[in-house]
Amino acid sequence: MCRMIVAVGKFETGKLIDDIIKISCGENELHENNKSLGEFRHADGWGIAYMDDAGKWNVYRSTKPIFEDKEIPRFRDISCRALILHTRRATKGRKDIVDNNMPFLASTDSGDYLFTHNGTIEDKFELDQSISAKGDSDSVSWFNYLLSNARCSTQKISTCMFRPQKFSSANFFFVTPDKIVVGERFRQNPEYYTMKLYQDNESLIISSEVLPTLKEKPWKKIENNSFIEIDYKSENRKVSGFHQKDLSQIFFVMSRSLNSKLDESSASSIAVSSERFL
């Protein structure tokens, strides 16, 4: 169980850090696990990944709660083009080793891959041990499985997204050398697991919860079983989304540039037109 944020474009890192601290303290939203504000906290470590102006991903992880880590101030004024924040509430894997804290980073011949996950997965996966990230959590296993298939294509990742059968949620952010891939698939607690999307002319943010500093903005709920690609390195940062509507894997596809806002009809759902996904 975790809280996570991905931001692309222009944003204030310090505000996003303040947002996820409040969220992780359980002081932002009520949901199935947080019946009263402050009841359900994510205190088993945290991590940040940000892409600098040179296109390099930098990662910091800690086993300390984000609201107690004295290293926080050095990240507040970071200027970056893409950012991921993650806080953990452990369900599987040790709490005292930083390898189980996200974002995970794996460097391969084809580039760097990063990953965050929210949920619990009981499935066991066949893995390519040559590129495995370290750790003993279900999230490490889930990352390694996706990573073993990621070098084929992001379409392969979308197929792998439906591999888990014993899980509460398989939600993830998966960063490839070219795209940020967001997957949402859960089986319980929709208020807790449904991710939200906010987009304006300058930025795109996807978060486990509506951000406290942007509560008045027009957030949209991401539909369960959705798969979104963010072309975070291109000038217009194109966004493409897919949604599985039935077992025959018919996907609904949306493609919009960040330099034009989503209109009401398309923003109400991530999917607006259909094609068969092969």
C-alpha atoms as a PDB file:
ATOM      1  CA  MET A   1       0.000   0.000   0.000  1.00  0.00           C
ATOM      2  CA  CYS A   2       1.487   3.281  -1.090  1.00  0.00           C
ATOM      3  CA  ARG A   3       0.905   6.830  -2.234  1.00  0.00           C
ATOM      4  CA  MET A   4       2.549   8.084  -5.392  1.00  0.00           C
ATOM      5  CA  ILE A   5       2.723  11.112  -7.687  1.00  0.00           C
ATOM      6  CA  VAL A   6       4.160  11.607 -11.175  1.00  0.00           C
ATOM      7  CA  ALA A   7       4.505  15.106 -12.629  1.00  0.00           C
ATOM      8  CA  VAL A   8       5.692  16.158 -16.092  1.00  0.00           C
ATOM      9  CA  GLY A   9       6.181  19.696 -17.395  1.00  0.00           C
ATOM     10  CA  LYS A  10       6.373  22.820 -15.232  1.00  0.00           C
ATOM     11  CA  PHE A  11       5.659  22.437 -11.515  1.00  0.00           C
ATOM     12  CA  GLU A  12       7.018  23.382  -8.087  1.00  0.00           C
ATOM     13  CA  THR A  13       8.835  20.451  -6.536  1.00  0.00           C
ATOM     14  CA  GLY A  14       8.501  21.865  -3.022  1.00  0.00           C
ATOM     15  CA  LYS A  15       4.721  22.034  -3.255  1.00  0.00           C
ATOM     16  CA  LEU A  16       4.531  18.454  -4.520  1.00  0.00           C
ATOM     17  CA  ILE A  17       6.683  17.312  -1.597  1.00  0.00           C
ATOM     18  CA  ASP A  18       4.425  19.161   0.853  1.00  0.00           C
ATOM     19  CA  ASP A  19       1.420  17.541  -0.835  1.00  0.00           C
ATOM     20  CA  ILE A  20       2.677  13.982  -0.507  1.00  0.00           C
ATOM     21  CA  ILE A  21       3.730  14.582   3.109  1.00  0.00           C
ATOM     22  CA  LYS A  22       0.174  15.609   3.976  1.00  0.00           C
ATOM     23  CA  ILE A  23      -1.221  12.699   1.957  1.00  0.00           C
ATOM     24  CA  SER A  24       1.140  10.233   3.662  1.00  0.00           C
ATOM     25  CA  CYS A  25       0.068  11.470   7.092  1.00  0.00           C
ATOM     26  CA  GLY A  26      -3.505  10.558   6.144  1.00  0.00           C
ATOM     27  CA  GLU A  27      -4.572  14.181   6.474  1.00  0.00           C
ATOM     28  CA  ASN A  28      -5.787  14.793   2.915  1.00  0.00           C
ATOM     29  CA  GLU A  29      -8.638  12.440   1.940  1.00  0.00           C
ATOM     30  CA  LEU A  30     -10.964   9.920   3.517  1.00  0.00           C
ATOM     31  CA  HIS A  31     -11.088   6.472   1.929  1.00  0.00           C
ATOM     32  CA  GLU A  32     -11.729   2.829   2.847  1.00  0.00           C
ATOM     33  CA  ASN A  33      -8.523   2.636   4.911  1.00  0.00           C
ATOM     34  CA  ASN A  34      -8.637   6.166   6.311  1.00  0.00           C
ATOM     35  CA  LYS A  35     -12.009   6.473   8.017  1.00  0.00           C
ATOM     36  CA  SER A  36     -10.924   9.594   9.893  1.00  0.00           C
ATOM     37  CA  LEU A  37      -8.150  12.024   8.952  1.00  0.00           C
ATOM     38  CA  GLY A  38      -4.769  10.933  10.275  1.00  0.00           C
ATOM     39  CA  GLU A  39      -5.819   7.328  10.945  1.00  0.00           C
ATOM     40  CA  PHE A  40      -4.006   5.606   8.054  1.00  0.00           C
ATOM     41  CA  ARG A  41      -0.403   6.713   7.483  1.00  0.00           C
ATOM     42  CA  HIS A  42       2.286   5.661   5.013  1.00  0.00           C
ATOM     43  CA  ALA A  43       5.343   5.645   7.249  1.00  0.00           C
ATOM     44  CA  ASP A  44       7.572   2.815   5.953  1.00  0.00           C
ATOM     45  CA  GLY A  45       9.923   4.898   3.855  1.00  0.00           C
ATOM     46  CA  TRP A  46       9.796   7.043   0.762  1.00  0.00           C
ATOM     47  CA  GLY A  47      11.625   7.931  -2.430  1.00  0.00           C
ATOM     48  CA  ILE A  48      12.008  10.566  -5.123  1.00  0.00           C
ATOM     49  CA  ALA A  49      13.164  10.341  -8.742  1.00  0.00           C
ATOM     50  CA  TYR A  50      13.686  13.391 -10.914  1.00  0.00           C
ATOM     51  CA  MET A  51      15.051  13.989 -14.389  1.00  0.00           C
ATOM     52  CA  ASP A  52      17.524  16.848 -14.602  1.00  0.00           C
ATOM     53  CA  ASP A  53      18.133  19.199 -17.517  1.00  0.00           C
ATOM     54  CA  ALA A  54      20.687  16.780 -18.961  1.00  0.00           C
ATOM     55  CA  GLY A  55      18.043  14.043 -19.168  1.00  0.00           C
ATOM     56  CA  LYS A  56      19.560  12.008 -16.324  1.00  0.00           C
ATOM     57  CA  TRP A  57      17.334  10.383 -13.692  1.00  0.00           C
ATOM     58  CA  ASN A  58      18.417  10.924 -10.089  1.00  0.00           C
ATOM     59  CA  VAL A  59      16.996   8.751  -7.291  1.00  0.00           C
ATOM     60  CA  TYR A  60      16.944   9.063  -3.517  1.00  0.00           C
ATOM     61  CA  ARG A  61      15.308   6.479  -1.236  1.00  0.00           C
ATOM     62  CA  SER A  62      15.002   6.170   2.528  1.00  0.00           C
ATOM     63  CA  THR A  63      13.461   3.803   5.051  1.00  0.00           C
ATOM     64  CA  LYS A  64      12.476   6.813   7.166  1.00  0.00           C
ATOM     65  CA  PRO A  65       8.946   8.222   6.986  1.00  0.00           C
ATOM     66  CA  ILE A  66       8.866  11.161   4.592  1.00  0.00           C
ATOM     67  CA  PHE A  67       7.529  13.374   7.371  1.00  0.00           C
ATOM     68  CA  GLU A  68      10.598  12.606   9.526  1.00  0.00           C
ATOM     69  CA  ASP A  69      13.415  12.589   6.967  1.00  0.00           C
ATOM     70  CA  LYS A  70      15.828  15.512   7.529  1.00  0.00           C
ATOM     71  CA  GLU A  71      17.050  15.223   3.922  1.00  0.00           C
ATOM     72  CA  ILE A  72      13.779  16.673   2.578  1.00  0.00           C
ATOM     73  CA  PRO A  73      14.996  20.320   2.369  1.00  0.00           C
ATOM     74  CA  ARG A  74      17.625  19.542  -0.239  1.00  0.00           C
ATOM     75  CA  PHE A  75      14.974  18.414  -2.718  1.00  0.00           C
ATOM     76  CA  ARG A  76      12.494  21.278  -2.343  1.00  0.00           C
ATOM     77  CA  ASP A  77      14.076  23.653  -4.866  1.00  0.00           C
ATOM     78  CA  ILE A  78      14.991  21.091  -7.507  1.00  0.00           C
ATOM     79  CA  SER A  79      14.132  22.228 -11.033  1.00  0.00           C
ATOM     80  CA  CYS A  80      13.283  19.252 -13.217  1.00  0.00           C
ATOM     81  CA  ARG A  81      11.216  18.207 -16.234  1.00  0.00           C
ATOM     82  CA  ALA A  82       9.791  15.033 -14.696  1.00  0.00           C
ATOM     83  CA  LEU A  83       9.324  13.921 -11.100  1.00  0.00           C
ATOM     84  CA  ILE A  84       8.117  10.837  -9.232  1.00  0.00           C
ATOM     85  CA  LEU A  85       7.352  10.694  -5.505  1.00  0.00           C
ATOM     86  CA  HIS A  86       6.465   7.540  -3.578  1.00  0.00           C
ATOM     87  CA  THR A  87       5.695   6.725   0.056  1.00  0.00           C
ATOM     88  CA  ARG A  88       5.314   3.207   1.404  1.00  0.00           C
ATOM     89  CA  ARG A  89       3.039   1.392   3.831  1.00  0.00           C
ATOM     90  CA  ALA A  90       4.581  -2.067   3.812  1.00  0.00           C
ATOM     91  CA  THR A  91       2.524  -5.219   3.346  1.00  0.00           C
ATOM     92  CA  LYS A  92       5.228  -7.556   1.956  1.00  0.00           C
ATOM     93  CA  GLY A  93       8.979  -7.391   2.277  1.00  0.00           C
ATOM     94  CA  ARG A  94      11.230  -6.051   5.005  1.00  0.00           C
ATOM     95  CA  LYS A  95      10.802  -2.493   6.237  1.00  0.00           C
ATOM     96  CA  ASP A  96      14.422  -2.010   7.302  1.00  0.00           C
ATOM     97  CA  ILE A  97      16.172  -2.285   3.909  1.00  0.00           C
ATOM     98  CA  VAL A  98      16.153   0.560   1.415  1.00  0.00           C
ATOM     99  CA  ASP A  99      16.042  -1.902  -1.523  1.00  0.00           C
ATOM    100  CA  ASN A 100      12.315  -2.307  -0.861  1.00  0.00           C
ATOM    101  CA  ASN A 101      11.648   1.415  -1.107  1.00  0.00           C
ATOM    102  CA  MET A 102      10.669   2.994  -4.389  1.00  0.00           C
ATOM    103  CA  PRO A 103      11.256   4.330  -6.967  1.00  0.00           C
ATOM    104  CA  PHE A 104      13.289   1.332  -8.101  1.00  0.00           C
ATOM    105  CA  LEU A 105      15.998   2.029 -10.688  1.00  0.00           C
ATOM    106  CA  ALA A 106      17.476  -0.510 -13.105  1.00  0.00           C
ATOM    107  CA  SER A 107      20.174   0.486 -15.591  1.00  0.00           C
ATOM    108  CA  THR A 108      20.367  -1.621 -18.753  1.00  0.00           C
ATOM    109  CA  ASP A 109      22.109  -1.433 -22.119  1.00  0.00           C
ATOM    110  CA  SER A 110      18.991   0.232 -23.534  1.00  0.00           C
ATOM    111  CA  GLY A 111      18.794   2.861 -20.785  1.00  0.00           C
ATOM    112  CA  ASP A 112      17.382   3.458 -17.320  1.00  0.00           C
ATOM    113  CA  TYR A 113      14.053   2.066 -16.085  1.00  0.00           C
ATOM    114  CA  LEU A 114      12.235   3.248 -12.954  1.00  0.00           C
ATOM    115  CA  PHE A 115       9.208   1.869 -11.144  1.00  0.00           C
ATOM    116  CA  THR A 116       6.719   2.511  -8.345  1.00  0.00           C
ATOM    117  CA  HIS A 117       3.786   0.331  -7.293  1.00  0.00           C
ATOM    118  CA  ASN A 118       0.723   0.629  -5.076  1.00  0.00           C
ATOM    119  CA  GLY A 119      -0.970  -2.548  -3.875  1.00  0.00           C
ATOM    120  CA  THR A 120      -0.221  -6.125  -2.877  1.00  0.00           C
ATOM    121  CA  ILE A 121       0.464  -8.945  -5.343  1.00  0.00           C
ATOM    122  CA  GLU A 122       0.567 -12.626  -4.367  1.00  0.00           C
ATOM    123  CA  ASP A 123       1.502 -14.014  -7.818  1.00  0.00           C
ATOM    124  CA  LYS A 124       4.939 -15.462  -8.538  1.00  0.00           C
ATOM    125  CA  PHE A 125       6.613 -14.395 -11.796  1.00  0.00           C
ATOM    126  CA  GLU A 126       9.224 -15.878 -14.094  1.00  0.00           C
ATOM    127  CA  LEU A 127      12.048 -13.347 -14.195  1.00  0.00           C
ATOM    128  CA  ASP A 128      15.117 -12.467 -16.205  1.00  0.00           C
ATOM    129  CA  GLN A 129      17.632 -12.556 -13.348  1.00  0.00           C
ATOM    130  CA  SER A 130      20.237 -10.677 -15.385  1.00  0.00           C
ATOM    131  CA  ILE A 131      18.328  -7.405 -15.037  1.00  0.00           C
ATOM    132  CA  SER A 132      16.620  -7.904 -11.692  1.00  0.00           C
ATOM    133  CA  ALA A 133      16.319  -5.113  -9.131  1.00  0.00           C
ATOM    134  CA  LYS A 134      17.190  -6.018  -5.540  1.00  0.00           C
ATOM    135  CA  GLY A 135      14.793  -6.433  -2.628  1.00  0.00           C
ATOM    136  CA  ASP A 136      12.344  -9.006  -1.263  1.00  0.00           C
ATOM    137  CA  SER A 137       8.956  -7.318  -1.694  1.00  0.00           C
ATOM    138  CA  ASP A 138       6.126  -8.111  -4.083  1.00  0.00           C
ATOM    139  CA  SER A 139       6.760  -4.736  -5.721  1.00  0.00           C
ATOM    140  CA  VAL A 140      10.332  -5.761  -6.561  1.00  0.00           C
ATOM    141  CA  SER A 141       9.009  -8.951  -8.149  1.00  0.00           C
ATOM    142  CA  TRP A 142       6.338  -7.008 -10.080  1.00  0.00           C
ATOM    143  CA  PHE A 143       8.962  -4.557 -11.390  1.00  0.00           C
ATOM    144  CA  ASN A 144      11.329  -7.328 -12.417  1.00  0.00           C
ATOM    145  CA  TYR A 145       8.552  -9.084 -14.317  1.00  0.00           C
ATOM    146  CA  LEU A 146       7.606  -5.933 -16.219  1.00  0.00           C
ATOM    147  CA  LEU A 147      11.269  -5.108 -16.757  1.00  0.00           C
ATOM    148  CA  SER A 148      11.855  -8.545 -18.278  1.00  0.00           C
ATOM    149  CA  ASN A 149       9.279  -7.667 -20.944  1.00  0.00           C
ATOM    150  CA  ALA A 150       9.797  -3.917 -21.280  1.00  0.00           C
ATOM    151  CA  ARG A 151      12.545  -4.156 -23.876  1.00  0.00           C
ATOM    152  CA  CYS A 152      10.020  -5.511 -26.380  1.00  0.00           C
ATOM    153  CA  SER A 153       7.641  -2.534 -26.388  1.00  0.00           C
ATOM    154  CA  THR A 154       5.304  -0.572 -24.143  1.00  0.00           C
ATOM    155  CA  GLN A 155       2.471  -2.560 -25.766  1.00  0.00           C
ATOM    156  CA  LYS A 156       4.068  -5.651 -24.247  1.00  0.00           C
ATOM    157  CA  ILE A 157       3.947  -3.938 -20.848  1.00  0.00           C
ATOM    158  CA  SER A 158       0.223  -3.285 -21.295  1.00  0.00           C
ATOM    159  CA  THR A 159      -0.327  -6.991 -21.920  1.00  0.00           C
ATOM    160  CA  CYS A 160       1.779  -7.924 -18.878  1.00  0.00           C
ATOM    161  CA  MET A 161      -0.311  -5.546 -16.793  1.00  0.00           C
ATOM    162  CA  PHE A 162      -3.116  -8.124 -16.823  1.00  0.00           C
ATOM    163  CA  ARG A 163      -0.869 -11.014 -15.766  1.00  0.00           C
ATOM    164  CA  PRO A 164      -1.438 -10.850 -11.950  1.00  0.00           C
ATOM    165  CA  GLN A 165      -4.404 -12.906 -10.730  1.00  0.00           C
ATOM    166  CA  LYS A 166      -3.983 -12.745  -6.939  1.00  0.00           C
ATOM    167  CA  PHE A 167      -3.744  -9.101  -5.964  1.00  0.00           C
ATOM    168  CA  SER A 168      -5.410  -6.124  -4.322  1.00  0.00           C
ATOM    169  CA  SER A 169      -3.900  -3.644  -6.758  1.00  0.00           C
ATOM    170  CA  ALA A 170      -1.218  -3.726  -9.453  1.00  0.00           C
ATOM    171  CA  ASN A 171      -1.148   0.053  -9.988  1.00  0.00           C
ATOM    172  CA  PHE A 172       2.228   1.297 -11.213  1.00  0.00           C
ATOM    173  CA  PHE A 173       4.364   4.035 -12.723  1.00  0.00           C
ATOM    174  CA  PHE A 174       6.932   2.510 -15.079  1.00  0.00           C
ATOM    175  CA  VAL A 175       9.555   4.758 -16.681  1.00  0.00           C
ATOM    176  CA  THR A 176      11.288   3.600 -19.858  1.00  0.00           C
ATOM    177  CA  PRO A 177      14.024   5.532 -21.714  1.00  0.00           C
ATOM    178  CA  ASP A 178      11.267   7.227 -23.774  1.00  0.00           C
ATOM    179  CA  LYS A 179       7.978   7.085 -21.889  1.00  0.00           C
ATOM    180  CA  ILE A 180       6.357   7.128 -18.486  1.00  0.00           C
ATOM    181  CA  VAL A 181       3.794   4.336 -18.377  1.00  0.00           C
ATOM    182  CA  VAL A 182       0.954   4.469 -15.858  1.00  0.00           C
ATOM    183  CA  GLY A 183      -1.048   1.320 -15.168  1.00  0.00           C
ATOM    184  CA  GLU A 184      -4.177   1.143 -13.031  1.00  0.00           C
ATOM    185  CA  ARG A 185      -5.709  -2.216 -12.171  1.00  0.00           C
ATOM    186  CA  PHE A 186      -7.266  -3.001  -8.801  1.00  0.00           C
ATOM    187  CA  ARG A 187      -9.870  -5.354  -7.282  1.00  0.00           C
ATOM    188  CA  GLN A 188     -10.887  -3.611  -4.067  1.00  0.00           C
ATOM    189  CA  ASN A 189     -11.053  -0.272  -2.256  1.00  0.00           C
ATOM    190  CA  PRO A 190     -11.736   1.962  -5.278  1.00  0.00           C
ATOM    191  CA  GLU A 191     -11.543   5.171  -3.262  1.00  0.00           C
ATOM    192  CA  TYR A 192      -8.035   4.250  -2.138  1.00  0.00           C
ATOM    193  CA  TYR A 193      -6.687   2.823  -5.390  1.00  0.00           C
ATOM    194  CA  THR A 194      -8.275   5.040  -8.073  1.00  0.00           C
ATOM    195  CA  MET A 195      -5.665   7.462  -9.383  1.00  0.00           C
ATOM    196  CA  LYS A 196      -6.492  11.022 -10.402  1.00  0.00           C
ATOM    197  CA  LEU A 197      -5.230  13.087 -13.323  1.00  0.00           C
ATOM    198  CA  TYR A 198      -4.812  16.842 -13.646  1.00  0.00           C
ATOM    199  CA  GLN A 199      -3.681  18.518 -16.848  1.00  0.00           C
ATOM    200  CA  ASP A 200      -3.234  22.139 -17.891  1.00  0.00           C
ATOM    201  CA  ASN A 201      -1.229  23.938 -20.564  1.00  0.00           C
ATOM    202  CA  GLU A 202       2.030  23.505 -18.679  1.00  0.00           C
ATOM    203  CA  SER A 203       1.906  20.262 -16.740  1.00  0.00           C
ATOM    204  CA  LEU A 204       0.435  16.810 -16.292  1.00  0.00           C
ATOM    205  CA  ILE A 205       0.093  15.253 -12.833  1.00  0.00           C
ATOM    206  CA  ILE A 206      -1.173  11.801 -11.889  1.00  0.00           C
ATOM    207  CA  SER A 207      -1.572  11.079  -8.195  1.00  0.00           C
ATOM    208  CA  SER A 208      -3.003   8.559  -5.757  1.00  0.00           C
ATOM    209  CA  GLU A 209      -5.020  11.449  -4.306  1.00  0.00           C
ATOM    210  CA  VAL A 210      -6.074  14.915  -5.422  1.00  0.00           C
ATOM    211  CA  LEU A 211      -3.210  17.163  -4.342  1.00  0.00           C
ATOM    212  CA  PRO A 212      -3.982  19.433  -1.370  1.00  0.00           C
ATOM    213  CA  THR A 213      -2.499  22.488  -3.111  1.00  0.00           C
ATOM    214  CA  LEU A 214      -4.542  21.867  -6.264  1.00  0.00           C
ATOM    215  CA  LYS A 215      -7.883  20.794  -4.797  1.00  0.00           C
ATOM    216  CA  GLU A 216      -9.801  23.475  -6.711  1.00  0.00           C
ATOM    217  CA  LYS A 217      -8.505  22.300 -10.085  1.00  0.00           C
ATOM    218  CA  PRO A 218     -10.523  20.011 -12.423  1.00  0.00           C
ATOM    219  CA  TRP A 219      -9.146  16.562 -11.560  1.00  0.00           C
ATOM    220  CA  LYS A 220     -10.380  13.475 -13.402  1.00  0.00           C
ATOM    221  CA  LYS A 221     -10.536   9.940 -12.042  1.00  0.00           C
ATOM    222  CA  ILE A 222      -8.642   7.347 -14.093  1.00  0.00           C
ATOM    223  CA  GLU A 223     -10.857   4.419 -14.939  1.00  0.00           C
ATOM    224  CA  ASN A 224      -9.875   1.017 -13.582  1.00  0.00           C
ATOM    225  CA  ASN A 225      -7.957  -1.227 -16.033  1.00  0.00           C
ATOM    226  CA  SER A 226      -6.398   1.764 -17.793  1.00  0.00           C
ATOM    227  CA  PHE A 227      -2.930   2.048 -19.292  1.00  0.00           C
ATOM    228  CA  ILE A 228      -1.476   5.489 -20.051  1.00  0.00           C
ATOM    229  CA  GLU A 229       1.720   6.475 -21.876  1.00  0.00           C
ATOM    230  CA  ILE A 230       3.343   9.879 -21.376  1.00  0.00           C
ATOM    231  CA  ASP A 231       5.919  10.854 -23.995  1.00  0.00           C
ATOM    232  CA  TYR A 232       7.831  12.886 -21.438  1.00  0.00           C
ATOM    233  CA  LYS A 233      10.870  13.690 -23.596  1.00  0.00           C
ATOM    234  CA  SER A 234       9.063  15.166 -26.585  1.00  0.00           C
ATOM    235  CA  GLU A 235       8.361  18.882 -26.851  1.00  0.00           C
ATOM    236  CA  ASN A 236       4.578  18.502 -26.691  1.00  0.00           C
ATOM    237  CA  ARG A 237       4.602  15.564 -24.217  1.00  0.00           C
ATOM    238  CA  LYS A 238       1.884  13.589 -25.950  1.00  0.00           C
ATOM    239  CA  VAL A 239      -0.366  11.428 -23.765  1.00  0.00           C
ATOM    240  CA  SER A 240      -1.898   8.166 -25.002  1.00  0.00           C
ATOM    241  CA  GLY A 241      -4.282   5.992 -23.013  1.00  0.00           C
ATOM    242  CA  PHE A 242      -5.687   2.507 -23.376  1.00  0.00           C
ATOM    243  CA  HIS A 243      -8.527   0.851 -21.507  1.00  0.00           C
ATOM    244  CA  GLN A 244      -9.497  -2.810 -21.408  1.00  0.00           C
ATOM    245  CA  LYS A 245     -13.277  -3.030 -21.746  1.00  0.00           C
ATOM    246  CA  ASP A 246     -13.694  -6.790 -22.054  1.00  0.00           C
ATOM    247  CA  LEU A 247     -11.812 -10.078 -22.131  1.00  0.00           C
ATOM    248  CA  SER A 248     -11.185  -9.795 -25.877  1.00  0.00           C
ATOM    249  CA  GLN A 249      -8.849  -6.870 -25.016  1.00  0.00           C
ATOM    250  CA  ILE A 250     -10.586  -4.078 -26.881  1.00  0.00           C
ATOM    251  CA  PHE A 251      -8.801  -0.915 -25.906  1.00  0.00           C
ATOM    252  CA  PHE A 252      -9.970   2.669 -26.060  1.00  0.00           C
ATOM    253  CA  VAL A 253      -7.334   5.108 -27.232  1.00  0.00           C
ATOM    254  CA  MET A 254      -6.823   8.778 -26.493  1.00  0.00           C
ATOM    255  CA  SER A 255      -4.061  11.021 -27.795  1.00  0.00           C
ATOM    256  CA  ARG A 256      -3.855  14.654 -26.771  1.00  0.00           C
ATOM    257  CA  SER A 257      -1.043  17.179 -26.497  1.00  0.00           C
ATOM    258  CA  LEU A 258      -0.356  18.992 -23.259  1.00  0.00           C
ATOM    259  CA  ASN A 259      -0.510  22.299 -25.124  1.00  0.00           C
ATOM    260  CA  SER A 260      -4.295  21.951 -25.420  1.00  0.00           C
ATOM    261  CA  LYS A 261      -6.616  21.167 -22.521  1.00  0.00           C
ATOM    262  CA  LEU A 262      -8.829  18.093 -22.520  1.00  0.00           C
ATOM    263  CA  ASP A 263     -12.369  18.996 -23.499  1.00  0.00           C
ATOM    264  CA  GLU A 264     -15.191  17.884 -21.200  1.00  0.00           C
ATOM    265  CA  SER A 265     -16.251  14.910 -23.299  1.00  0.00           C
ATOM    266  CA  SER A 266     -12.779  13.393 -23.620  1.00  0.00           C
ATOM    267  CA  ALA A 267     -11.563  14.266 -20.128  1.00  0.00           C
ATOM    268  CA  SER A 268     -14.478  12.507 -18.475  1.00  0.00           C
ATOM    269  CA  SER A 269     -12.807   9.251 -19.440  1.00  0.00           C
ATOM    270  CA  ILE A 270      -9.248   8.477 -20.435  1.00  0.00           C
ATOM    271  CA  ALA A 271     -10.626   6.589 -23.450  1.00  0.00           C
ATOM    272  CA  VAL A 272     -12.402   8.157 -26.410  1.00  0.00           C
ATOM    273  CA  SER A 273     -12.051   5.884 -29.457  1.00  0.00           C
ATOM    274  CA  SER A 274     -11.592   2.148 -29.897  1.00  0.00           C
ATOM    275  CA  GLU A 275      -9.270  -0.247 -31.659  1.00  0.00           C
ATOM    276  CA  ARG A 276      -8.199  -3.849 -31.088  1.00  0.00           C
ATOM    277  CA  PHE A 277      -4.968  -4.238 -29.181  1.00  0.00           C
ATOM    278  CA  LEU A 278      -2.698  -6.994 -30.480  1.00  0.00           C
END
